[in-house]
Amino acid sequence: MARQPGLGNAFRLTELHHDLRDLSKLFSTEMYQKDACELMDLFAPESLFRDDEDLAEVGLGYRQSIGMTIYGGTSEEHRSR
């Protein structure tokens, strides 16, 4: 089978796209968790009560940030590549 011109470049671009996607996932989820943890430190324990909707969002965001590091592959997996 004859080699098609440019196919190697397309493969490298696809690999680059996957690498950038993995890095952006790692960066965004780690920053989300860091920011949520800092907000929790600032507003806890008031953020645990549902009387104030804005403060309740802080607690919810913190709990969601933990799961975000798992979705789409763990952060540890992306660091090991």
Protein backbone atom coordinates (compact mmCIF):
# COMPACT_ATOMS: atom_id res chain seq x y z
CA MET A 1 0.00 0.00 0.00
CA ALA A 2 1.39 3.36 -1.00
CA ARG A 3 1.94 5.92 1.70
CA GLN A 4 -0.32 8.91 1.48
CA PRO A 5 1.43 12.27 1.71
CA GLY A 6 0.70 14.22 4.85
CA LEU A 7 -0.75 11.29 6.78
CA GLY A 8 2.14 11.29 9.27
CA ASN A 9 1.58 14.99 9.97
CA ALA A 10 -2.10 14.39 10.57
CA PHE A 11 -1.27 11.64 13.04
CA ARG A 12 1.17 13.91 14.90
CA LEU A 13 -1.42 16.69 15.03
CA THR A 14 -3.97 14.25 16.42
CA GLU A 15 -1.52 13.16 19.11
CA LEU A 16 -0.76 16.81 19.92
CA HIS A 17 -4.49 17.52 20.19
CA HIS A 18 -4.91 14.65 22.66
CA ASP A 19 -1.92 15.82 24.71
CA LEU A 20 -3.25 19.38 24.89
CA ARG A 21 -6.69 18.10 25.82
CA ASP A 22 -5.20 16.05 28.66
CA LEU A 23 -3.14 18.99 29.90
CA SER A 24 -6.08 21.36 29.83
CA LYS A 25 -8.21 18.82 31.72
CA LEU A 26 -5.50 18.44 34.35
CA PHE A 27 -4.95 22.18 34.73
CA SER A 28 -8.61 23.20 34.82
CA THR A 29 -9.73 20.53 37.29
CA GLU A 30 -6.75 21.09 39.59
CA MET A 31 -7.36 24.86 39.62
CA TYR A 32 -11.08 24.35 40.19
CA GLN A 33 -10.35 22.14 43.19
CA LYS A 34 -7.73 24.56 44.56
CA ASP A 35 -10.08 27.55 44.23
CA ALA A 36 -13.00 25.63 45.75
CA CYS A 37 -10.81 24.57 48.67
CA GLU A 38 -9.74 28.17 49.28
CA LEU A 39 -13.37 29.36 49.19
CA MET A 40 -14.32 26.59 51.60
CA ASP A 41 -11.57 27.75 53.97
CA LEU A 42 -12.87 31.31 53.79
CA PHE A 43 -16.56 30.58 54.27
CA ALA A 44 -16.73 27.36 56.33
CA PRO A 45 -18.70 26.45 58.41
CA GLU A 46 -21.32 28.96 57.19
CA SER A 47 -21.16 27.42 53.71
CA LEU A 48 -22.48 24.12 55.08
CA PHE A 49 -25.88 25.59 55.92
CA ARG A 50 -28.50 25.94 53.23
CA ASP A 51 -30.02 29.12 54.66
CA ASP A 52 -27.91 31.29 52.38
CA GLU A 53 -28.02 30.09 48.76
CA ASP A 54 -24.80 31.84 47.79
CA LEU A 55 -22.84 30.20 50.60
CA ALA A 56 -24.47 26.84 49.86
CA GLU A 57 -23.03 27.12 46.32
CA VAL A 58 -19.54 27.26 47.84
CA GLY A 59 -20.06 23.91 49.57
CA LEU A 60 -21.59 22.40 46.46
CA GLY A 61 -18.71 23.63 44.30
CA TYR A 62 -16.21 22.11 46.69
CA ARG A 63 -17.91 18.72 46.59
CA GLN A 64 -18.15 18.83 42.80
CA SER A 65 -14.50 19.79 42.41
CA ILE A 66 -13.40 16.51 43.97
CA GLY A 67 -15.31 14.50 41.38
CA MET A 68 -14.03 16.66 38.53
CA THR A 69 -10.49 15.38 39.07
CA ILE A 70 -11.80 11.87 38.35
CA TYR A 71 -14.03 12.48 35.30
CA GLY A 72 -12.27 11.84 32.01
CA GLY A 73 -9.33 10.10 33.69
CA THR A 74 -7.70 10.73 36.99
CA SER A 75 -5.31 13.61 37.42
CA GLU A 76 -2.61 11.18 38.56
CA GLU A 77 -2.94 9.29 35.28
CA HIS A 78 -2.44 12.48 33.28
CA ARG A 79 0.58 13.46 35.37
CA SER A 80 2.27 10.11 34.68
CA ARG A 81 2.24 10.54 30.90
